[in-house]
Amino acid sequence: MTLGNWLALFVALVTAAEVVRALRHRALRRDQWGRRFFRLRTTSWGLGILMFMVIVALVAPLIAPFAAMLRPGGAPAVADQVYGA
């Protein structure tokens, strides 16, 4: 992985944390459902992990802009060596 990939993953992590923080702040201030939903701390963690995965899935072509079935040299993978053996 290159430095750009690590930076993209870090940005996705920070973005997910900020989205969860904003949702939690808004929900705790305004709505009864928000207070009930965010009452447990694990709710924030679960929503953060979900948001991180959604963000990474959306920007996956930018993080890894190569085909999954190509080898590093650009040659296609052979059918009997799909798992790298």
Protein backbone atom coordinates (compact mmCIF):
# COMPACT_ATOMS: atom_id res chain seq x y z
CA MET A 1 0.00 0.00 0.00
CA THR A 2 1.20 3.44 -0.79
CA LEU A 3 1.16 6.54 1.32
CA GLY A 4 -1.81 7.82 -0.67
CA ASN A 5 -3.83 4.72 0.23
CA TRP A 6 -3.08 5.16 3.93
CA LEU A 7 -3.97 8.83 3.71
CA ALA A 8 -7.28 8.02 2.00
CA LEU A 9 -8.14 5.48 4.70
CA PHE A 10 -7.26 7.98 7.42
CA VAL A 11 -9.46 10.63 5.80
CA ALA A 12 -12.31 8.11 5.59
CA LEU A 13 -11.88 7.28 9.29
CA VAL A 14 -11.89 10.94 10.32
CA THR A 15 -14.91 11.65 8.11
CA ALA A 16 -16.84 8.74 9.62
CA ALA A 17 -16.01 9.93 13.14
CA GLU A 18 -17.18 13.46 12.33
CA VAL A 19 -20.43 12.20 10.80
CA VAL A 20 -21.16 10.13 13.90
CA ARG A 21 -20.26 13.03 16.18
CA ALA A 22 -22.58 15.39 14.29
CA LEU A 23 -25.44 12.89 14.26
CA ARG A 24 -25.02 12.16 17.95
CA HIS A 25 -24.86 15.84 18.86
CA ARG A 26 -27.96 16.65 16.82
CA ALA A 27 -29.92 13.65 18.07
CA LEU A 28 -29.13 14.27 21.73
CA ARG A 29 -30.19 17.90 21.53
CA ARG A 30 -33.45 17.60 19.61
CA ASP A 31 -35.20 14.28 19.41
CA GLN A 32 -36.49 11.77 21.90
CA TRP A 33 -35.55 8.93 19.52
CA GLY A 34 -32.01 10.27 19.37
CA ARG A 35 -31.60 10.13 23.12
CA ARG A 36 -32.87 6.58 23.17
CA PHE A 37 -30.74 5.54 20.19
CA PHE A 38 -27.47 7.02 21.46
CA ARG A 39 -28.03 6.10 25.09
CA LEU A 40 -25.52 3.26 24.85
CA ARG A 41 -21.92 4.02 23.90
CA THR A 42 -21.70 0.98 21.64
CA THR A 43 -24.25 2.57 19.33
CA SER A 44 -21.78 5.28 18.41
CA TRP A 45 -19.02 2.72 17.82
CA GLY A 46 -21.25 0.56 15.63
CA LEU A 47 -22.49 3.52 13.61
CA GLY A 48 -18.88 4.72 13.22
CA ILE A 49 -17.72 1.36 11.89
CA LEU A 50 -20.68 1.24 9.51
CA MET A 51 -20.01 4.77 8.26
CA PHE A 52 -16.31 3.96 7.76
CA MET A 53 -17.18 0.92 5.64
CA VAL A 54 -19.70 2.88 3.58
CA ILE A 55 -17.20 5.68 2.92
CA VAL A 56 -14.44 3.22 1.97
CA ALA A 57 -16.85 1.40 -0.36
CA LEU A 58 -17.79 4.66 -2.06
CA VAL A 59 -14.19 5.79 -2.60
CA ALA A 60 -12.77 2.32 -3.32
CA PRO A 61 -11.92 3.13 -6.96
CA LEU A 62 -9.77 6.01 -5.71
CA ILE A 63 -8.07 3.97 -2.98
CA ALA A 64 -7.25 0.98 -5.20
CA PRO A 65 -7.51 2.01 -8.86
CA PHE A 66 -6.48 -1.35 -10.31
CA ALA A 67 -8.42 -4.46 -11.29
CA ALA A 68 -8.67 -7.07 -8.59
CA MET A 69 -7.76 -9.99 -10.87
CA LEU A 70 -4.57 -8.48 -12.28
CA ARG A 71 -1.16 -9.31 -10.92
CA PRO A 72 1.21 -6.48 -9.98
CA GLY A 73 2.98 -6.76 -13.35
CA GLY A 74 -0.30 -6.32 -15.21
CA ALA A 75 -0.64 -9.95 -16.31
CA PRO A 76 -4.05 -11.54 -15.69
CA ALA A 77 -4.29 -14.14 -12.96
CA VAL A 78 -4.39 -17.75 -14.09
CA ALA A 79 -7.55 -19.67 -13.16
CA ASP A 80 -5.66 -22.31 -11.15
CA GLN A 81 -3.76 -19.63 -9.19
CA VAL A 82 -6.63 -17.43 -8.04
CA TYR A 83 -5.54 -17.62 -4.41
CA GLY A 84 -1.94 -16.73 -5.17
CA ALA A 85 -0.46 -20.21 -4.73
